[in-house]
C-alpha atoms as a PDB file:
ATOM      1  CA  MET A   1     103.990 102.460  76.001  1.00  0.00           C
ATOM      2  CA  CYS A   2     102.431 101.465  79.276  1.00  0.00           C
ATOM      3  CA  ARG A   3     103.568  98.030  80.454  1.00  0.00           C
ATOM      4  CA  ASN A   4     100.025  97.055  81.400  1.00  0.00           C
ATOM      5  CA  ILE A   5      98.721  97.282  77.841  1.00  0.00           C
ATOM      6  CA  HIS A   6      99.061  93.862  76.263  1.00  0.00           C
ATOM      7  CA  THR A   7      98.710  92.719  72.677  1.00  0.00           C
ATOM      8  CA  LEU A   8      95.089  91.751  72.068  1.00  0.00           C
ATOM      9  CA  HIS A   9      95.253  90.698  68.419  1.00  0.00           C
ATOM     10  CA  ASN A  10      95.587  87.097  67.199  1.00  0.00           C
ATOM     11  CA  PHE A  11      94.940  85.263  70.448  1.00  0.00           C
ATOM     12  CA  GLU A  12      92.643  82.376  71.168  1.00  0.00           C
ATOM     13  CA  PRO A  13      90.215  83.000  72.758  1.00  0.00           C
ATOM     14  CA  VAL A  14      89.730  86.447  71.270  1.00  0.00           C
ATOM     15  CA  ALA A  15      89.951  89.522  73.480  1.00  0.00           C
ATOM     16  CA  ASN A  16      86.789  90.189  75.433  1.00  0.00           C
ATOM     17  CA  GLY A  17      85.190  93.506  76.326  1.00  0.00           C
ATOM     18  CA  ASP A  18      86.847  93.632  79.744  1.00  0.00           C
ATOM     19  CA  GLU A  19      90.336  93.268  78.252  1.00  0.00           C
ATOM     20  CA  ILE A  20      89.619  95.918  75.651  1.00  0.00           C
ATOM     21  CA  HIS A  21      88.242  98.289  78.298  1.00  0.00           C
ATOM     22  CA  ALA A  22      91.273  97.701  80.550  1.00  0.00           C
ATOM     23  CA  ALA A  23      93.650  98.518  77.683  1.00  0.00           C
ATOM     24  CA  ALA A  24      91.656 101.653  76.821  1.00  0.00           C
ATOM     25  CA  LEU A  25      91.688 102.753  80.459  1.00  0.00           C
ATOM     26  CA  GLN A  26      95.465 102.292  80.688  1.00  0.00           C
ATOM     27  CA  TYR A  27      95.950 104.237  77.455  1.00  0.00           C
ATOM     28  CA  VAL A  28      93.810 107.170  78.614  1.00  0.00           C
ATOM     29  CA  ARG A  29      95.536 107.170  82.010  1.00  0.00           C
ATOM     30  CA  LYS A  30      98.934 107.310  80.331  1.00  0.00           C
ATOM     31  CA  ILE A  31      97.950 110.089  77.916  1.00  0.00           C
ATOM     32  CA  SER A  32      96.190 112.190  80.555  1.00  0.00           C
ATOM     33  CA  GLY A  33      98.881 111.661  83.178  1.00  0.00           C
ATOM     34  CA  THR A  34      96.384 110.695  85.858  1.00  0.00           C
ATOM     35  CA  THR A  35      94.982 107.460  87.233  1.00  0.00           C
ATOM     36  CA  LYS A  36      91.924 109.090  88.759  1.00  0.00           C
ATOM     37  CA  PRO A  37      90.592 112.262  87.199  1.00  0.00           C
ATOM     38  CA  SER A  38      89.108 115.083  89.245  1.00  0.00           C
ATOM     39  CA  ARG A  39      85.317 115.402  89.361  1.00  0.00           C
ATOM     40  CA  VAL A  40      85.429 118.177  86.793  1.00  0.00           C
ATOM     41  CA  ASN A  41      87.354 115.937  84.364  1.00  0.00           C
ATOM     42  CA  ALA A  42      85.638 112.618  85.114  1.00  0.00           C
ATOM     43  CA  GLU A  43      83.064 112.882  82.324  1.00  0.00           C
ATOM     44  CA  VAL A  44      85.571 113.639  79.586  1.00  0.00           C
ATOM     45  CA  PHE A  45      87.946 110.980  80.960  1.00  0.00           C
ATOM     46  CA  ASP A  46      85.221 108.310  80.952  1.00  0.00           C
ATOM     47  CA  ARG A  47      84.075 109.331  77.482  1.00  0.00           C
ATOM     48  CA  ALA A  48      87.651 109.043  76.199  1.00  0.00           C
ATOM     49  CA  VAL A  49      87.945 105.525  77.657  1.00  0.00           C
ATOM     50  CA  GLN A  50      84.705 104.496  75.925  1.00  0.00           C
ATOM     51  CA  GLU A  51      85.784 105.983  72.594  1.00  0.00           C
ATOM     52  CA  VAL A  52      89.206 104.334  72.716  1.00  0.00           C
ATOM     53  CA  ALA A  53      87.606 100.995  73.634  1.00  0.00           C
ATOM     54  CA  HIS A  54      85.150 101.371  70.738  1.00  0.00           C
ATOM     55  CA  ALA A  55      87.938 102.166  68.267  1.00  0.00           C
ATOM     56  CA  THR A  56      90.001  99.260  69.618  1.00  0.00           C
ATOM     57  CA  GLN A  57      87.094  96.849  69.139  1.00  0.00           C
ATOM     58  CA  HIS A  58      86.724  97.970  65.505  1.00  0.00           C
ATOM     59  CA  LEU A  59      90.468  97.656  64.953  1.00  0.00           C
ATOM     60  CA  LEU A  60      90.574  94.115  66.312  1.00  0.00           C
ATOM     61  CA  GLU A  61      87.558  93.118  64.218  1.00  0.00           C
ATOM     62  CA  GLY A  62      89.180  94.451  61.055  1.00  0.00           C
ATOM     63  CA  LEU A  63      92.697  93.062  61.447  1.00  0.00           C
ATOM     64  CA  VAL A  64      93.578  89.944  59.449  1.00  0.00           C
ATOM     65  CA  ALA A  65      96.096  87.471  60.849  1.00  0.00           C
ATOM     66  CA  THR A  66      98.266  85.345  58.578  1.00  0.00           C
ATOM     67  CA  THR A  67      99.600  83.200  61.425  1.00  0.00           C
ATOM     68  CA  PRO A  68      97.694  80.831  63.701  1.00  0.00           C
ATOM     69  CA  PRO A  69      96.340  82.423  66.887  1.00  0.00           C
ATOM     70  CA  LYS A  70      98.495  82.231  70.003  1.00  0.00           C
ATOM     71  CA  ASP A  71      97.251  80.468  73.111  1.00  0.00           C
ATOM     72  CA  ARG A  72      96.828  82.868  76.037  1.00  0.00           C
ATOM     73  CA  ALA A  73      97.807  80.286  78.650  1.00  0.00           C
ATOM     74  CA  VAL A  74     100.998  79.342  76.799  1.00  0.00           C
ATOM     75  CA  GLU A  75     102.002  82.998  76.319  1.00  0.00           C
ATOM     76  CA  ALA A  76     101.299  83.744  79.999  1.00  0.00           C
ATOM     77  CA  ALA A  77     103.512  80.811  81.040  1.00  0.00           C
ATOM     78  CA  LYS A  78     106.320  82.088  78.777  1.00  0.00           C
ATOM     79  CA  ALA A  79     106.041  85.574  80.305  1.00  0.00           C
ATOM     80  CA  LYS A  80     106.132  84.129  83.818  1.00  0.00           C
ATOM     81  CA  GLU A  81     109.254  82.139  82.943  1.00  0.00           C
ATOM     82  CA  ARG A  82     110.963  85.223  81.462  1.00  0.00           C
ATOM     83  CA  SER A  83     110.121  87.175  84.606  1.00  0.00           C
ATOM     84  CA  ALA A  84     111.476  84.441  86.874  1.00  0.00           C
ATOM     85  CA  ARG A  85     114.761  84.366  84.928  1.00  0.00           C
ATOM     86  CA  ARG A  86     114.997  88.144  84.948  1.00  0.00           C
ATOM     87  CA  PHE A  87     114.458  88.515  88.677  1.00  0.00           C
ATOM     88  CA  ALA A  88     116.245  85.356  89.818  1.00  0.00           C
ATOM     89  CA  SER A  89     118.789  85.925  92.569  1.00  0.00           C
ATOM     90  CA  ALA A  90     122.393  85.635  91.541  1.00  0.00           C
END
């Protein structure tokens, strides 16, 4: 899966439209193999992004979490710490 697609479920605050759209765009880019479609493919590319975003929104609305929501800031700090350890000079 594309590294830029992040988990959107069970976070506080909930995922907004921009995050959902960004994930959909990354998904369609990965599947199509292109970051910028040609003019002839732009319409179908954009439509696919909108449809994936729409389906993602419905998925997130329907999922039920049994654990408390995670805090975005805390999870971002953990990821930054993991990255620093991973890329620390020896």
